[in-house]
Amino acid sequence: MENPDQIKTREEIGRKIKQIRTAKELTQSELATLAGVNENYFAMIERGEVNFTFDKLFKIIKALKVKSSQILPF
C-alpha cells in the first residue's frame, strides 16, 4: 500500500510540472517529446497517477529548462 504522503507529493509535483508547462505554452505532447517520455505516461505523471523514476523527472526538468527546486516540494 502506498504512503499517503508519497501520493500527495507525487500529485504536487505533477501540478507544478503542468503549471510550468502551460506557462511556457507547451502541450503535453510537445513536452513529452522534448523529454523523451511517452505521451500517455507523461499525462499520468502530471495527474500524479504513476510512481515515476528520477530519470523521467530529470528529463522533464531539463526539457522545461527549470531548476529542480521549482518542481520539487522538498
PDB file of N, CA and C in Angstrom:
ATOM      1  N   MET A   1       0.833  -1.184   0.000  1.00  0.00           N
ATOM      2  CA  MET A   1       0.000   0.000   0.000  1.00  0.00           C
ATOM      3  C   MET A   1       0.878   1.248   0.000  1.00  0.00           C
ATOM      4  N   GLU A   2       0.482   2.223  -0.796  1.00  0.00           N
ATOM      5  CA  GLU A   2       1.274   3.441  -0.904  1.00  0.00           C
ATOM      6  C   GLU A   2       1.060   4.363   0.290  1.00  0.00           C
ATOM      7  N   ASN A   3       2.101   5.059   0.627  1.00  0.00           N
ATOM      8  CA  ASN A   3       2.078   6.039   1.698  1.00  0.00           C
ATOM      9  C   ASN A   3       1.303   7.271   1.209  1.00  0.00           C
ATOM     10  N   PRO A   4       0.321   7.755   1.969  1.00  0.00           N
ATOM     11  CA  PRO A   4      -0.456   8.928   1.547  1.00  0.00           C
ATOM     12  C   PRO A   4       0.406  10.170   1.298  1.00  0.00           C
ATOM     13  N   ASP A   5       1.478  10.320   2.060  1.00  0.00           N
ATOM     14  CA  ASP A   5       2.376  11.463   1.845  1.00  0.00           C
ATOM     15  C   ASP A   5       3.077  11.378   0.497  1.00  0.00           C
ATOM     16  N   GLN A   6       3.434  10.167   0.088  1.00  0.00           N
ATOM     17  CA  GLN A   6       4.079   9.983  -1.211  1.00  0.00           C
ATOM     18  C   GLN A   6       3.106  10.314  -2.339  1.00  0.00           C
ATOM     19  N   ILE A   7       1.865   9.897  -2.190  1.00  0.00           N
ATOM     20  CA  ILE A   7       0.851  10.189  -3.204  1.00  0.00           C
ATOM     21  C   ILE A   7       0.650  11.700  -3.308  1.00  0.00           C
ATOM     22  N   LYS A   8       0.539  12.361  -2.166  1.00  0.00           N
ATOM     23  CA  LYS A   8       0.348  13.811  -2.141  1.00  0.00           C
ATOM     24  C   LYS A   8       1.527  14.526  -2.806  1.00  0.00           C
ATOM     25  N   THR A   9       2.743  14.092  -2.516  1.00  0.00           N
ATOM     26  CA  THR A   9       3.939  14.693  -3.103  1.00  0.00           C
ATOM     27  C   THR A   9       3.964  14.476  -4.607  1.00  0.00           C
ATOM     28  N   ARG A  10       3.652  13.271  -5.040  1.00  0.00           N
ATOM     29  CA  ARG A  10       3.609  12.954  -6.476  1.00  0.00           C
ATOM     30  C   ARG A  10       2.591  13.835  -7.193  1.00  0.00           C
ATOM     31  N   GLU A  11       1.425  14.035  -6.585  1.00  0.00           N
ATOM     32  CA  GLU A  11       0.387  14.883  -7.180  1.00  0.00           C
ATOM     33  C   GLU A  11       0.839  16.337  -7.238  1.00  0.00           C
ATOM     34  N   GLU A  12       1.525  16.788  -6.201  1.00  0.00           N
ATOM     35  CA  GLU A  12       2.024  18.161  -6.169  1.00  0.00           C
ATOM     36  C   GLU A  12       3.078  18.385  -7.250  1.00  0.00           C
ATOM     37  N   ILE A  13       3.963  17.434  -7.430  1.00  0.00           N
ATOM     38  CA  ILE A  13       4.977  17.533  -8.484  1.00  0.00           C
ATOM     39  C   ILE A  13       4.291  17.593  -9.844  1.00  0.00           C
ATOM     40  N   GLY A  14       3.299  16.756 -10.054  1.00  0.00           N
ATOM     41  CA  GLY A  14       2.557  16.768 -11.316  1.00  0.00           C
ATOM     42  C   GLY A  14       1.896  18.108 -11.584  1.00  0.00           C
ATOM     43  N   ARG A  15       1.297  18.707 -10.547  1.00  0.00           N
ATOM     44  CA  ARG A  15       0.660  20.025 -10.692  1.00  0.00           C
ATOM     45  C   ARG A  15       1.684  21.093 -11.060  1.00  0.00           C
ATOM     46  N   LYS A  16       2.850  21.028 -10.429  1.00  0.00           N
ATOM     47  CA  LYS A  16       3.892  22.018 -10.727  1.00  0.00           C
ATOM     48  C   LYS A  16       4.416  21.862 -12.147  1.00  0.00           C
ATOM     49  N   ILE A  17       4.590  20.620 -12.586  1.00  0.00           N
ATOM     50  CA  ILE A  17       5.033  20.386 -13.963  1.00  0.00           C
ATOM     51  C   ILE A  17       4.009  20.977 -14.928  1.00  0.00           C
ATOM     52  N   LYS A  18       2.731  20.700 -14.679  1.00  0.00           N
ATOM     53  CA  LYS A  18       1.673  21.214 -15.557  1.00  0.00           C
ATOM     54  C   LYS A  18       1.654  22.738 -15.550  1.00  0.00           C
ATOM     55  N   GLN A  19       1.789  23.335 -14.378  1.00  0.00           N
ATOM     56  CA  GLN A  19       1.774  24.793 -14.257  1.00  0.00           C
ATOM     57  C   GLN A  19       2.898  25.424 -15.081  1.00  0.00           C
ATOM     58  N   ILE A  20       4.094  24.878 -14.966  1.00  0.00           N
ATOM     59  CA  ILE A  20       5.239  25.405 -15.708  1.00  0.00           C
ATOM     60  C   ILE A  20       5.063  25.152 -17.206  1.00  0.00           C
ATOM     61  N   ARG A  21       4.602  23.950 -17.546  1.00  0.00           N
ATOM     62  CA  ARG A  21       4.383  23.615 -18.966  1.00  0.00           C
ATOM     63  C   ARG A  21       3.404  24.576 -19.614  1.00  0.00           C
ATOM     64  N   THR A  22       2.283  24.837 -18.949  1.00  0.00           N
ATOM     65  CA  THR A  22       1.281  25.731 -19.533  1.00  0.00           C
ATOM     66  C   THR A  22       1.782  27.174 -19.586  1.00  0.00           C
ATOM     67  N   ALA A  23       2.567  27.587 -18.594  1.00  0.00           N
ATOM     68  CA  ALA A  23       3.144  28.933 -18.612  1.00  0.00           C
ATOM     69  C   ALA A  23       4.099  29.107 -19.791  1.00  0.00           C
ATOM     70  N   LYS A  24       4.739  28.012 -20.176  1.00  0.00           N
ATOM     71  CA  LYS A  24       5.661  28.042 -21.322  1.00  0.00           C
ATOM     72  C   LYS A  24       4.933  27.748 -22.638  1.00  0.00           C
ATOM     73  N   GLU A  25       3.610  27.617 -22.548  1.00  0.00           N
ATOM     74  CA  GLU A  25       2.756  27.374 -23.711  1.00  0.00           C
ATOM     75  C   GLU A  25       3.155  26.126 -24.489  1.00  0.00           C
ATOM     76  N   LEU A  26       3.445  25.060 -23.746  1.00  0.00           N
ATOM     77  CA  LEU A  26       3.762  23.768 -24.344  1.00  0.00           C
ATOM     78  C   LEU A  26       2.592  22.820 -24.134  1.00  0.00           C
ATOM     79  N   THR A  27       2.322  21.990 -25.128  1.00  0.00           N
ATOM     80  CA  THR A  27       1.320  20.943 -24.947  1.00  0.00           C
ATOM     81  C   THR A  27       1.971  19.761 -24.234  1.00  0.00           C
ATOM     82  N   GLN A  28       1.137  18.865 -23.738  1.00  0.00           N
ATOM     83  CA  GLN A  28       1.679  17.646 -23.130  1.00  0.00           C
ATOM     84  C   GLN A  28       2.506  16.890 -24.151  1.00  0.00           C
ATOM     85  N   SER A  29       2.010  16.809 -25.361  1.00  0.00           N
ATOM     86  CA  SER A  29       2.713  16.079 -26.419  1.00  0.00           C
ATOM     87  C   SER A  29       4.080  16.696 -26.702  1.00  0.00           C
ATOM     88  N   GLU A  30       4.130  18.014 -26.788  1.00  0.00           N
ATOM     89  CA  GLU A  30       5.396  18.693 -27.066  1.00  0.00           C
ATOM     90  C   GLU A  30       6.414  18.448 -25.959  1.00  0.00           C
ATOM     91  N   LEU A  31       5.975  18.607 -24.714  1.00  0.00           N
ATOM     92  CA  LEU A  31       6.918  18.407 -23.603  1.00  0.00           C
ATOM     93  C   LEU A  31       7.332  16.949 -23.488  1.00  0.00           C
ATOM     94  N   ALA A  32       6.399  16.037 -23.687  1.00  0.00           N
ATOM     95  CA  ALA A  32       6.739  14.611 -23.641  1.00  0.00           C
ATOM     96  C   ALA A  32       7.802  14.287 -24.680  1.00  0.00           C
ATOM     97  N   THR A  33       7.647  14.840 -25.870  1.00  0.00           N
ATOM     98  CA  THR A  33       8.627  14.612 -26.940  1.00  0.00           C
ATOM     99  C   THR A  33       9.984  15.200 -26.563  1.00  0.00           C
ATOM    100  N   LEU A  34       9.985  16.431 -26.067  1.00  0.00           N
ATOM    101  CA  LEU A  34      11.249  17.069 -25.661  1.00  0.00           C
ATOM    102  C   LEU A  34      11.959  16.285 -24.560  1.00  0.00           C
ATOM    103  N   ALA A  35      11.170  15.691 -23.671  1.00  0.00           N
ATOM    104  CA  ALA A  35      11.741  14.948 -22.546  1.00  0.00           C
ATOM    105  C   ALA A  35      12.020  13.485 -22.876  1.00  0.00           C
ATOM    106  N   GLY A  36      11.555  13.024 -24.040  1.00  0.00           N
ATOM    107  CA  GLY A  36      11.763  11.623 -24.391  1.00  0.00           C
ATOM    108  C   GLY A  36      10.924  10.681 -23.555  1.00  0.00           C
ATOM    109  N   VAL A  37       9.712  11.138 -23.196  1.00  0.00           N
ATOM    110  CA  VAL A  37       8.805  10.354 -22.364  1.00  0.00           C
ATOM    111  C   VAL A  37       7.552  10.051 -23.181  1.00  0.00           C
ATOM    112  N   ASN A  38       7.018   8.857 -23.052  1.00  0.00           N
ATOM    113  CA  ASN A  38       5.782   8.503 -23.727  1.00  0.00           C
ATOM    114  C   ASN A  38       4.684   9.492 -23.341  1.00  0.00           C
ATOM    115  N   GLU A  39       3.911   9.940 -24.330  1.00  0.00           N
ATOM    116  CA  GLU A  39       2.889  10.962 -24.102  1.00  0.00           C
ATOM    117  C   GLU A  39       1.840  10.535 -23.063  1.00  0.00           C
ATOM    118  N   ASN A  40       1.369   9.303 -23.155  1.00  0.00           N
ATOM    119  CA  ASN A  40       0.371   8.824 -22.188  1.00  0.00           C
ATOM    120  C   ASN A  40       0.964   8.737 -20.784  1.00  0.00           C
ATOM    121  N   TYR A  41       2.196   8.271 -20.703  1.00  0.00           N
ATOM    122  CA  TYR A  41       2.866   8.178 -19.406  1.00  0.00           C
ATOM    123  C   TYR A  41       3.065   9.571 -18.826  1.00  0.00           C
ATOM    124  N   PHE A  42       3.440  10.527 -19.686  1.00  0.00           N
ATOM    125  CA  PHE A  42       3.627  11.899 -19.229  1.00  0.00           C
ATOM    126  C   PHE A  42       2.328  12.460 -18.656  1.00  0.00           C
ATOM    127  N   ALA A  43       1.209  12.197 -19.311  1.00  0.00           N
ATOM    128  CA  ALA A  43      -0.091  12.661 -18.817  1.00  0.00           C
ATOM    129  C   ALA A  43      -0.374  12.080 -17.435  1.00  0.00           C
ATOM    130  N   MET A  44      -0.013  10.822 -17.227  1.00  0.00           N
ATOM    131  CA  MET A  44      -0.218  10.202 -15.925  1.00  0.00           C
ATOM    132  C   MET A  44       0.691  10.828 -14.860  1.00  0.00           C
ATOM    133  N   ILE A  45       1.893  11.246 -15.254  1.00  0.00           N
ATOM    134  CA  ILE A  45       2.793  11.938 -14.320  1.00  0.00           C
ATOM    135  C   ILE A  45       2.151  13.246 -13.878  1.00  0.00           C
ATOM    136  N   GLU A  46       1.633  14.012 -14.833  1.00  0.00           N
ATOM    137  CA  GLU A  46       1.002  15.284 -14.480  1.00  0.00           C
ATOM    138  C   GLU A  46      -0.199  15.100 -13.557  1.00  0.00           C
ATOM    139  N   ARG A  47      -0.920  14.019 -13.720  1.00  0.00           N
ATOM    140  CA  ARG A  47      -2.085  13.753 -12.876  1.00  0.00           C
ATOM    141  C   ARG A  47      -1.701  13.089 -11.550  1.00  0.00           C
ATOM    142  N   GLY A  48      -0.436  12.761 -11.382  1.00  0.00           N
ATOM    143  CA  GLY A  48       0.028  12.133 -10.151  1.00  0.00           C
ATOM    144  C   GLY A  48      -0.381  10.683 -10.021  1.00  0.00           C
ATOM    145  N   GLU A  49      -0.602  10.022 -11.141  1.00  0.00           N
ATOM    146  CA  GLU A  49      -1.115   8.653 -11.141  1.00  0.00           C
ATOM    147  C   GLU A  49      -0.045   7.567 -11.151  1.00  0.00           C
ATOM    148  N   VAL A  50       1.203   7.937 -11.443  1.00  0.00           N
ATOM    149  CA  VAL A  50       2.261   6.921 -11.534  1.00  0.00           C
ATOM    150  C   VAL A  50       3.432   7.289 -10.639  1.00  0.00           C
ATOM    151  N   ASN A  51       4.105   6.270 -10.170  1.00  0.00           N
ATOM    152  CA  ASN A  51       5.304   6.444  -9.366  1.00  0.00           C
ATOM    153  C   ASN A  51       6.493   6.468 -10.330  1.00  0.00           C
ATOM    154  N   PHE A  52       6.753   7.639 -10.881  1.00  0.00           N
ATOM    155  CA  PHE A  52       7.774   7.789 -11.911  1.00  0.00           C
ATOM    156  C   PHE A  52       9.183   7.713 -11.325  1.00  0.00           C
ATOM    157  N   THR A  53      10.149   7.458 -12.198  1.00  0.00           N
ATOM    158  CA  THR A  53      11.542   7.362 -11.769  1.00  0.00           C
ATOM    159  C   THR A  53      12.204   8.738 -11.737  1.00  0.00           C
ATOM    160  N   PHE A  54      13.308   8.808 -11.028  1.00  0.00           N
ATOM    161  CA  PHE A  54      14.094  10.041 -11.016  1.00  0.00           C
ATOM    162  C   PHE A  54      14.565  10.367 -12.423  1.00  0.00           C
ATOM    163  N   ASP A  55      14.914   9.368 -13.191  1.00  0.00           N
ATOM    164  CA  ASP A  55      15.368   9.565 -14.566  1.00  0.00           C
ATOM    165  C   ASP A  55      14.315  10.312 -15.387  1.00  0.00           C
ATOM    166  N   LYS A  56      13.070   9.901 -15.269  1.00  0.00           N
ATOM    167  CA  LYS A  56      11.982  10.572 -16.006  1.00  0.00           C
ATOM    168  C   LYS A  56      11.834  12.008 -15.518  1.00  0.00           C
ATOM    169  N   LEU A  57      11.849  12.203 -14.210  1.00  0.00           N
ATOM    170  CA  LEU A  57      11.717  13.547 -13.657  1.00  0.00           C
ATOM    171  C   LEU A  57      12.868  14.436 -14.110  1.00  0.00           C
ATOM    172  N   PHE A  58      14.072  13.913 -14.111  1.00  0.00           N
ATOM    173  CA  PHE A  58      15.250  14.661 -14.555  1.00  0.00           C
ATOM    174  C   PHE A  58      15.079  15.109 -16.008  1.00  0.00           C
ATOM    175  N   LYS A  59      14.609  14.218 -16.864  1.00  0.00           N
ATOM    176  CA  LYS A  59      14.400  14.550 -18.278  1.00  0.00           C
ATOM    177  C   LYS A  59      13.352  15.651 -18.438  1.00  0.00           C
ATOM    178  N   ILE A  60      12.296  15.582 -17.651  1.00  0.00           N
ATOM    179  CA  ILE A  60      11.234  16.598 -17.726  1.00  0.00           C
ATOM    180  C   ILE A  60      11.761  17.947 -17.250  1.00  0.00           C
ATOM    181  N   ILE A  61      12.502  17.961 -16.159  1.00  0.00           N
ATOM    182  CA  ILE A  61      13.073  19.204 -15.639  1.00  0.00           C
ATOM    183  C   ILE A  61      14.011  19.825 -16.668  1.00  0.00           C
ATOM    184  N   LYS A  62      14.839  19.019 -17.289  1.00  0.00           N
ATOM    185  CA  LYS A  62      15.759  19.527 -18.317  1.00  0.00           C
ATOM    186  C   LYS A  62      14.996  20.060 -19.525  1.00  0.00           C
ATOM    187  N   ALA A  63      13.954  19.367 -19.945  1.00  0.00           N
ATOM    188  CA  ALA A  63      13.158  19.806 -21.097  1.00  0.00           C
ATOM    189  C   ALA A  63      12.440  21.122 -20.801  1.00  0.00           C
ATOM    190  N   LEU A  64      12.024  21.319 -19.553  1.00  0.00           N
ATOM    191  CA  LEU A  64      11.368  22.566 -19.159  1.00  0.00           C
ATOM    192  C   LEU A  64      12.360  23.705 -18.948  1.00  0.00           C
ATOM    193  N   LYS A  65      13.632  23.368 -18.810  1.00  0.00           N
ATOM    194  CA  LYS A  65      14.700  24.343 -18.576  1.00  0.00           C
ATOM    195  C   LYS A  65      14.446  25.133 -17.291  1.00  0.00           C
ATOM    196  N   VAL A  66      14.180  24.375 -16.225  1.00  0.00           N
ATOM    197  CA  VAL A  66      13.967  24.976 -14.911  1.00  0.00           C
ATOM    198  C   VAL A  66      14.871  24.291 -13.899  1.00  0.00           C
ATOM    199  N   LYS A  67      14.940  24.869 -12.719  1.00  0.00           N
ATOM    200  CA  LYS A  67      15.687  24.251 -11.626  1.00  0.00           C
ATOM    201  C   LYS A  67      14.777  23.246 -10.928  1.00  0.00           C
ATOM    202  N   SER A  68      15.359  22.197 -10.409  1.00  0.00           N
ATOM    203  CA  SER A  68      14.565  21.181  -9.726  1.00  0.00           C
ATOM    204  C   SER A  68      13.792  21.761  -8.549  1.00  0.00           C
ATOM    205  N   SER A  69      14.326  22.806  -7.933  1.00  0.00           N
ATOM    206  CA  SER A  69      13.647  23.431  -6.788  1.00  0.00           C
ATOM    207  C   SER A  69      12.319  24.070  -7.183  1.00  0.00           C
ATOM    208  N   GLN A  70      12.117  24.342  -8.460  1.00  0.00           N
ATOM    209  CA  GLN A  70      10.853  24.902  -8.927  1.00  0.00           C
ATOM    210  C   GLN A  70       9.763  23.824  -9.008  1.00  0.00           C
ATOM    211  N   ILE A  71      10.166  22.569  -8.959  1.00  0.00           N
ATOM    212  CA  ILE A  71       9.207  21.464  -9.089  1.00  0.00           C
ATOM    213  C   ILE A  71       9.120  20.643  -7.824  1.00  0.00           C
ATOM    214  N   LEU A  72      10.241  20.387  -7.196  1.00  0.00           N
ATOM    215  CA  LEU A  72      10.249  19.524  -6.014  1.00  0.00           C
ATOM    216  C   LEU A  72       9.785  20.274  -4.776  1.00  0.00           C
ATOM    217  N   PRO A  73       8.826  19.708  -4.047  1.00  0.00           N
ATOM    218  CA  PRO A  73       8.287  20.394  -2.875  1.00  0.00           C
ATOM    219  C   PRO A  73       9.087  20.176  -1.591  1.00  0.00           C
ATOM    220  N   PHE A  74      10.289  19.648  -1.717  1.00  0.00           N
ATOM    221  CA  PHE A  74      11.099  19.394  -0.524  1.00  0.00           C
ATOM    222  C   PHE A  74      12.517  19.837  -0.749  1.00  0.00           C
TER     223      PHE A  74
END
